[in-house]
Amino acid sequence: MKHYEYFTEGTCSVMISLDLDGDTVHNVKFLGGCPGNLTAIPILVEGMTVDEIESKLGGVRCGSKPTSCAHQLTLACRAAYEAANA
């Protein structure tokens, strides 16, 4: 299992950390942002694959912003997966 950190863009959270085991995501943590949502999302995605997370959360927007913390998580997961398989 490898640990990754991803710096978000356009959201209240500033960083997402996660562990990746193959294509399975574990231990997601957000730094900053809305505590309720960003406590719930890691519980809901624990043990999901990168593809599953992308299919469920990709494109989610926060109000008029073109992104959200959930969407940034999809980017973080994909970046971690690509770095692990480069």
N, C-alpha and C. Protein backbone atom coordinates (compact mmCIF):
# COMPACT_ATOMS: atom_id res chain seq x y z
N MET A 1 0.85 -1.17 0.00
CA MET A 1 0.00 0.00 0.00
C MET A 1 0.89 1.23 0.00
N LYS A 2 0.56 2.21 -0.87
CA LYS A 2 1.34 3.44 -0.96
C LYS A 2 0.48 4.63 -0.57
N HIS A 3 1.11 5.61 0.05
CA HIS A 3 0.44 6.82 0.51
C HIS A 3 0.66 7.94 -0.51
N TYR A 4 -0.40 8.71 -0.77
CA TYR A 4 -0.34 9.83 -1.72
C TYR A 4 -0.98 11.06 -1.12
N GLU A 5 -0.50 12.23 -1.55
CA GLU A 5 -1.09 13.50 -1.16
C GLU A 5 -1.36 14.29 -2.43
N TYR A 6 -2.53 14.91 -2.48
CA TYR A 6 -2.96 15.65 -3.65
C TYR A 6 -3.44 17.03 -3.20
N PHE A 7 -2.90 18.08 -3.82
CA PHE A 7 -3.31 19.45 -3.49
C PHE A 7 -4.45 19.85 -4.42
N THR A 8 -5.58 20.18 -3.81
CA THR A 8 -6.80 20.45 -4.55
C THR A 8 -6.78 21.85 -5.17
N GLU A 9 -7.67 22.07 -6.14
CA GLU A 9 -7.83 23.36 -6.78
C GLU A 9 -9.31 23.72 -6.82
N GLY A 10 -9.63 24.94 -6.41
CA GLY A 10 -10.99 25.44 -6.53
C GLY A 10 -11.96 24.96 -5.47
N THR A 11 -11.45 24.45 -4.34
CA THR A 11 -12.31 23.96 -3.27
C THR A 11 -11.87 24.52 -1.93
N CYS A 12 -12.74 24.36 -0.95
CA CYS A 12 -12.40 24.80 0.41
C CYS A 12 -11.33 23.90 1.03
N SER A 13 -11.38 22.61 0.72
CA SER A 13 -10.30 21.74 1.20
C SER A 13 -9.05 22.07 0.40
N VAL A 14 -7.89 21.90 1.01
CA VAL A 14 -6.65 22.25 0.32
C VAL A 14 -5.82 21.03 -0.05
N MET A 15 -6.09 19.89 0.60
CA MET A 15 -5.31 18.70 0.31
C MET A 15 -6.13 17.45 0.61
N ILE A 16 -5.86 16.41 -0.16
CA ILE A 16 -6.46 15.10 0.08
C ILE A 16 -5.31 14.12 0.21
N SER A 17 -5.34 13.31 1.26
CA SER A 17 -4.36 12.23 1.38
C SER A 17 -5.13 10.92 1.30
N LEU A 18 -4.47 9.92 0.73
CA LEU A 18 -5.10 8.62 0.58
C LEU A 18 -4.03 7.55 0.43
N ASP A 19 -4.44 6.32 0.70
CA ASP A 19 -3.58 5.16 0.47
C ASP A 19 -4.18 4.38 -0.69
N LEU A 20 -3.30 3.81 -1.51
CA LEU A 20 -3.73 3.05 -2.67
C LEU A 20 -3.09 1.67 -2.62
N ASP A 21 -3.93 0.66 -2.72
CA ASP A 21 -3.49 -0.74 -2.74
C ASP A 21 -3.96 -1.30 -4.07
N GLY A 22 -3.06 -1.34 -5.06
CA GLY A 22 -3.48 -1.70 -6.41
C GLY A 22 -4.35 -0.58 -6.95
N ASP A 23 -5.63 -0.88 -7.18
CA ASP A 23 -6.56 0.17 -7.60
C ASP A 23 -7.62 0.45 -6.54
N THR A 24 -7.38 -0.02 -5.32
CA THR A 24 -8.32 0.14 -4.23
C THR A 24 -7.87 1.25 -3.29
N VAL A 25 -8.81 2.13 -2.95
CA VAL A 25 -8.53 3.33 -2.18
C VAL A 25 -8.87 3.11 -0.70
N HIS A 26 -7.98 3.57 0.17
CA HIS A 26 -8.16 3.45 1.61
C HIS A 26 -7.71 4.74 2.29
N ASN A 27 -8.22 4.96 3.50
CA ASN A 27 -7.73 6.01 4.41
C ASN A 27 -7.76 7.41 3.81
N VAL A 28 -8.83 7.76 3.14
CA VAL A 28 -8.96 9.11 2.57
C VAL A 28 -9.13 10.12 3.70
N LYS A 29 -8.40 11.22 3.59
CA LYS A 29 -8.51 12.31 4.55
C LYS A 29 -8.44 13.63 3.79
N PHE A 30 -9.32 14.55 4.15
CA PHE A 30 -9.32 15.89 3.56
C PHE A 30 -8.75 16.87 4.58
N LEU A 31 -7.99 17.84 4.11
CA LEU A 31 -7.48 18.91 4.95
C LEU A 31 -8.27 20.17 4.60
N GLY A 32 -9.02 20.70 5.56
CA GLY A 32 -9.87 21.86 5.31
C GLY A 32 -11.22 21.43 4.76
N GLY A 33 -12.05 22.39 4.48
CA GLY A 33 -13.36 22.11 3.91
C GLY A 33 -14.44 21.90 4.95
N CYS A 34 -15.60 21.45 4.48
CA CYS A 34 -16.79 21.25 5.33
C CYS A 34 -16.67 19.95 6.11
N PRO A 35 -16.58 20.02 7.43
CA PRO A 35 -16.32 18.82 8.23
C PRO A 35 -17.33 17.69 8.03
N GLY A 36 -18.62 18.01 7.94
CA GLY A 36 -19.62 16.95 7.81
C GLY A 36 -19.44 16.15 6.52
N ASN A 37 -19.43 16.85 5.40
CA ASN A 37 -19.28 16.17 4.10
C ASN A 37 -17.95 15.45 4.00
N LEU A 38 -16.91 16.10 4.49
CA LEU A 38 -15.57 15.54 4.29
C LEU A 38 -15.21 14.50 5.34
N THR A 39 -16.09 14.27 6.27
CA THR A 39 -15.98 13.11 7.16
C THR A 39 -16.76 11.95 6.55
N ALA A 40 -17.88 12.27 5.91
CA ALA A 40 -18.74 11.23 5.32
C ALA A 40 -18.14 10.61 4.06
N ILE A 41 -17.59 11.44 3.18
CA ILE A 41 -17.08 10.92 1.90
C ILE A 41 -16.04 9.82 2.12
N PRO A 42 -15.03 9.99 2.98
CA PRO A 42 -14.05 8.92 3.17
C PRO A 42 -14.68 7.61 3.65
N ILE A 43 -15.70 7.70 4.49
CA ILE A 43 -16.38 6.48 4.97
C ILE A 43 -17.05 5.78 3.80
N LEU A 44 -17.71 6.56 2.94
CA LEU A 44 -18.44 5.99 1.82
C LEU A 44 -17.54 5.38 0.74
N VAL A 45 -16.36 5.94 0.53
CA VAL A 45 -15.49 5.44 -0.54
C VAL A 45 -14.46 4.40 -0.07
N GLU A 46 -14.37 4.18 1.23
CA GLU A 46 -13.38 3.22 1.76
C GLU A 46 -13.52 1.86 1.05
N GLY A 47 -12.42 1.39 0.48
CA GLY A 47 -12.39 0.08 -0.17
C GLY A 47 -12.90 0.07 -1.60
N MET A 48 -13.30 1.22 -2.13
CA MET A 48 -13.76 1.28 -3.53
C MET A 48 -12.55 1.38 -4.45
N THR A 49 -12.75 1.01 -5.70
CA THR A 49 -11.69 1.16 -6.69
C THR A 49 -11.70 2.59 -7.23
N VAL A 50 -10.60 2.94 -7.88
CA VAL A 50 -10.49 4.25 -8.51
C VAL A 50 -11.63 4.44 -9.51
N ASP A 51 -11.90 3.44 -10.34
CA ASP A 51 -12.99 3.53 -11.33
C ASP A 51 -14.34 3.73 -10.67
N GLU A 52 -14.61 3.03 -9.58
CA GLU A 52 -15.88 3.17 -8.87
C GLU A 52 -16.05 4.59 -8.33
N ILE A 53 -15.00 5.12 -7.74
CA ILE A 53 -15.06 6.48 -7.20
C ILE A 53 -15.28 7.48 -8.32
N GLU A 54 -14.57 7.31 -9.43
CA GLU A 54 -14.75 8.22 -10.56
C GLU A 54 -16.17 8.16 -11.11
N SER A 55 -16.74 6.96 -11.21
CA SER A 55 -18.08 6.84 -11.78
C SER A 55 -19.14 7.44 -10.87
N LYS A 56 -18.93 7.42 -9.56
CA LYS A 56 -19.93 7.95 -8.63
C LYS A 56 -19.75 9.45 -8.35
N LEU A 57 -18.53 9.94 -8.31
CA LEU A 57 -18.28 11.31 -7.86
C LEU A 57 -17.74 12.25 -8.93
N GLY A 58 -17.32 11.70 -10.06
CA GLY A 58 -16.78 12.54 -11.13
C GLY A 58 -17.80 13.54 -11.62
N GLY A 59 -17.42 14.79 -11.74
CA GLY A 59 -18.30 15.82 -12.26
C GLY A 59 -19.20 16.48 -11.23
N VAL A 60 -19.16 16.03 -9.98
CA VAL A 60 -19.98 16.67 -8.94
C VAL A 60 -19.47 18.10 -8.74
N ARG A 61 -20.40 19.04 -8.71
CA ARG A 61 -20.04 20.45 -8.56
C ARG A 61 -20.49 20.96 -7.19
N CYS A 62 -19.83 21.99 -6.72
CA CYS A 62 -20.20 22.66 -5.47
C CYS A 62 -20.76 24.03 -5.85
N GLY A 63 -22.09 24.14 -5.83
CA GLY A 63 -22.72 25.40 -6.23
C GLY A 63 -22.35 25.76 -7.66
N SER A 64 -21.88 26.98 -7.85
CA SER A 64 -21.52 27.43 -9.20
C SER A 64 -20.07 27.11 -9.56
N LYS A 65 -19.33 26.51 -8.64
CA LYS A 65 -17.93 26.15 -8.92
C LYS A 65 -17.90 25.01 -9.94
N PRO A 66 -16.88 24.95 -10.77
CA PRO A 66 -16.79 23.87 -11.75
C PRO A 66 -16.29 22.55 -11.16
N THR A 67 -16.05 22.52 -9.86
CA THR A 67 -15.53 21.32 -9.20
C THR A 67 -16.13 21.24 -7.80
N SER A 68 -15.72 20.24 -7.06
CA SER A 68 -16.13 20.06 -5.66
C SER A 68 -15.06 19.23 -4.98
N CYS A 69 -15.15 19.10 -3.67
CA CYS A 69 -14.21 18.23 -2.96
C CYS A 69 -14.36 16.78 -3.44
N ALA A 70 -15.60 16.37 -3.71
CA ALA A 70 -15.83 15.01 -4.20
C ALA A 70 -15.18 14.81 -5.56
N HIS A 71 -15.34 15.78 -6.46
CA HIS A 71 -14.71 15.68 -7.78
C HIS A 71 -13.18 15.72 -7.66
N GLN A 72 -12.67 16.56 -6.76
CA GLN A 72 -11.22 16.61 -6.55
C GLN A 72 -10.70 15.26 -6.05
N LEU A 73 -11.51 14.55 -5.28
CA LEU A 73 -11.11 13.21 -4.84
C LEU A 73 -10.94 12.28 -6.03
N THR A 74 -11.80 12.39 -7.03
CA THR A 74 -11.64 11.54 -8.22
C THR A 74 -10.32 11.84 -8.91
N LEU A 75 -9.96 13.11 -8.97
CA LEU A 75 -8.68 13.49 -9.59
C LEU A 75 -7.50 12.98 -8.77
N ALA A 76 -7.62 13.06 -7.45
CA ALA A 76 -6.56 12.58 -6.57
C ALA A 76 -6.36 11.07 -6.73
N CYS A 77 -7.45 10.35 -6.78
CA CYS A 77 -7.37 8.89 -6.93
C CYS A 77 -6.74 8.51 -8.26
N ARG A 78 -7.16 9.18 -9.33
CA ARG A 78 -6.60 8.87 -10.66
C ARG A 78 -5.13 9.22 -10.71
N ALA A 79 -4.74 10.36 -10.15
CA ALA A 79 -3.33 10.76 -10.14
C ALA A 79 -2.49 9.76 -9.35
N ALA A 80 -3.00 9.30 -8.23
CA ALA A 80 -2.27 8.30 -7.43
C ALA A 80 -2.13 7.01 -8.20
N TYR A 81 -3.20 6.58 -8.85
CA TYR A 81 -3.17 5.33 -9.62
C TYR A 81 -2.17 5.43 -10.78
N GLU A 82 -2.20 6.56 -11.48
CA GLU A 82 -1.26 6.73 -12.59
C GLU A 82 0.18 6.80 -12.11
N ALA A 83 0.43 7.45 -10.98
CA ALA A 83 1.79 7.51 -10.43
C ALA A 83 2.26 6.12 -10.02
N ALA A 84 1.36 5.32 -9.49
CA ALA A 84 1.73 3.97 -9.06
C ALA A 84 2.02 3.04 -10.22
N ASN A 85 1.44 3.36 -11.37
CA ASN A 85 1.57 2.48 -12.54
C ASN A 85 2.41 3.10 -13.66
N ALA A 86 3.17 4.13 -13.33
CA ALA A 86 4.01 4.80 -14.35
C ALA A 86 5.26 3.99 -14.62
